[in-house]
Amino acid sequence: QEQLVESGGGLVQPGGSLTLSCAASGFTLDYFAMGWFRQAPGKERELVAAISLSLGVTYYRDSVKGRFTISRDNAKITVSLQMNSLKPEDTAVYYCNSNPPRRAWGQGTQVTVSS
């Protein structure tokens, strides 16, 4: 069964850091530009960061620029999102998918930033 699996979320205090990881089951990420998305309660899912397929060109939404870093490993097996200086407004369920999203959504991983 093909699925995306996100991990690494948790509860962190404002200013803290987390690293999210995305892996694919049943297929590889080699052929996709990838993105991290998030959905906060009552809000639309939004693209947070993206990385191109081959050149590693990255995109970040303005609210996370300078704090988040997206990367993919050399074998393109996983895609990570390093999140630093976290803020309460970063609280959401985080998902990975191709960019634009073409695969079924995974379960996501909950990130809660709270003191």
Protein backbone atom coordinates (compact mmCIF):
# COMPACT_ATOMS: atom_id res chain seq x y z
CA GLN A 1 0.00 0.00 0.00
CA GLU A 2 1.41 3.35 -0.98
CA GLN A 3 1.48 5.91 1.76
CA LEU A 4 3.37 8.87 3.13
CA VAL A 5 4.47 8.64 6.73
CA GLU A 6 5.29 11.72 8.77
CA SER A 7 7.03 11.66 12.14
CA GLY A 8 8.86 13.86 14.61
CA GLY A 9 6.10 16.08 15.91
CA GLY A 10 5.47 16.82 19.56
CA LEU A 11 4.94 19.42 22.23
CA VAL A 12 7.58 22.10 22.44
CA GLN A 13 7.89 25.43 24.21
CA PRO A 14 8.04 28.68 22.23
CA GLY A 15 11.53 29.14 20.90
CA GLY A 16 12.16 25.43 20.76
CA SER A 17 13.03 23.18 17.84
CA LEU A 18 11.71 20.06 16.18
CA THR A 19 12.74 18.06 13.15
CA LEU A 20 10.04 16.41 11.10
CA SER A 21 10.72 13.50 8.78
CA CYS A 22 8.74 12.16 5.84
CA ALA A 23 9.16 8.72 4.32
CA ALA A 24 7.29 6.91 1.59
CA SER A 25 5.98 3.39 1.84
CA GLY A 26 5.35 1.48 -1.36
CA PHE A 27 6.99 4.07 -3.60
CA THR A 28 10.00 6.35 -3.59
CA LEU A 29 10.29 10.10 -3.47
CA ASP A 30 12.86 10.19 -6.26
CA TYR A 31 10.49 11.54 -8.86
CA PHE A 32 8.76 14.27 -6.97
CA ALA A 33 9.30 17.83 -5.91
CA MET A 34 8.24 17.66 -2.26
CA GLY A 35 6.55 19.93 0.17
CA TRP A 36 5.64 20.20 3.81
CA PHE A 37 2.12 21.41 4.48
CA ARG A 38 0.30 22.21 7.71
CA GLN A 39 -3.27 22.55 8.83
CA ALA A 40 -4.27 24.34 11.99
CA PRO A 41 -7.72 23.83 13.53
CA GLY A 42 -10.36 25.67 11.55
CA LYS A 43 -7.93 26.69 8.83
CA GLU A 44 -7.10 25.55 5.32
CA ARG A 45 -4.09 23.36 4.70
CA GLU A 46 -1.19 25.51 3.56
CA LEU A 47 2.18 24.95 1.97
CA VAL A 48 4.96 25.69 4.44
CA ALA A 49 8.09 24.75 2.53
CA ALA A 50 9.01 22.97 -0.69
CA ILE A 51 12.10 21.57 -2.35
CA SER A 52 12.61 20.88 -6.01
CA LEU A 53 13.37 17.49 -7.46
CA SER A 54 16.94 17.82 -8.67
CA LEU A 55 18.53 21.19 -7.94
CA GLY A 56 17.34 21.47 -4.36
CA VAL A 57 15.73 24.82 -4.94
CA THR A 58 13.66 25.68 -1.88
CA TYR A 59 10.59 27.74 -1.15
CA TYR A 60 9.32 28.96 2.24
CA ARG A 61 6.21 30.82 3.14
CA ASP A 62 7.04 34.21 4.60
CA SER A 63 6.02 33.32 8.15
CA VAL A 64 8.65 30.58 8.43
CA LYS A 65 11.53 32.07 6.45
CA GLY A 66 14.74 32.02 8.44
CA ARG A 67 13.31 29.55 10.96
CA PHE A 68 12.49 26.42 8.95
CA THR A 69 14.75 24.42 6.65
CA ILE A 70 13.56 21.75 4.25
CA SER A 71 15.96 19.14 2.96
CA ARG A 72 16.00 15.77 1.26
CA ASP A 73 18.64 13.11 1.58
CA ASN A 74 20.99 12.23 -1.27
CA ALA A 75 19.08 9.08 -2.06
CA LYS A 76 15.84 11.06 -1.93
CA ILE A 77 14.45 8.51 0.46
CA THR A 78 13.28 11.00 3.08
CA VAL A 79 12.40 14.66 3.29
CA SER A 80 12.95 16.58 6.50
CA LEU A 81 11.80 19.86 7.97
CA GLN A 82 14.02 21.42 10.60
CA MET A 83 11.96 23.89 12.60
CA ASN A 84 13.68 26.38 14.89
CA SER A 85 12.43 29.31 16.96
CA LEU A 86 8.98 27.79 17.01
CA LYS A 87 6.01 30.03 17.75
CA PRO A 88 2.52 29.22 19.04
CA GLU A 89 1.17 30.06 15.59
CA ASP A 90 3.18 27.16 14.17
CA THR A 91 0.86 24.77 16.01
CA ALA A 92 -0.75 22.50 13.43
CA VAL A 93 -0.76 19.03 11.97
CA TYR A 94 2.12 18.82 9.52
CA TYR A 95 1.94 16.73 6.35
CA CYS A 96 4.31 15.99 3.53
CA ASN A 97 3.32 15.40 -0.07
CA SER A 98 4.56 16.02 -3.54
CA ASN A 99 4.38 19.63 -4.61
CA PRO A 100 1.81 20.13 -5.96
CA PRO A 101 0.14 17.42 -3.88
CA ARG A 102 -0.69 14.35 -5.96
CA ARG A 103 -0.40 11.50 -3.47
CA ALA A 104 -2.87 10.44 -0.82
CA TRP A 105 -2.36 12.39 2.39
CA GLY A 106 -0.74 10.60 5.29
CA GLN A 107 -1.81 10.85 8.93
CA GLY A 108 0.39 13.85 9.53
CA THR A 109 2.30 14.65 12.70
CA GLN A 110 1.03 17.02 15.37
CA VAL A 111 3.21 19.98 16.33
CA THR A 112 2.10 21.91 19.39
CA VAL A 113 3.99 25.01 20.49
CA SER A 114 2.90 26.06 23.94
CA SER A 115 4.33 27.07 27.27
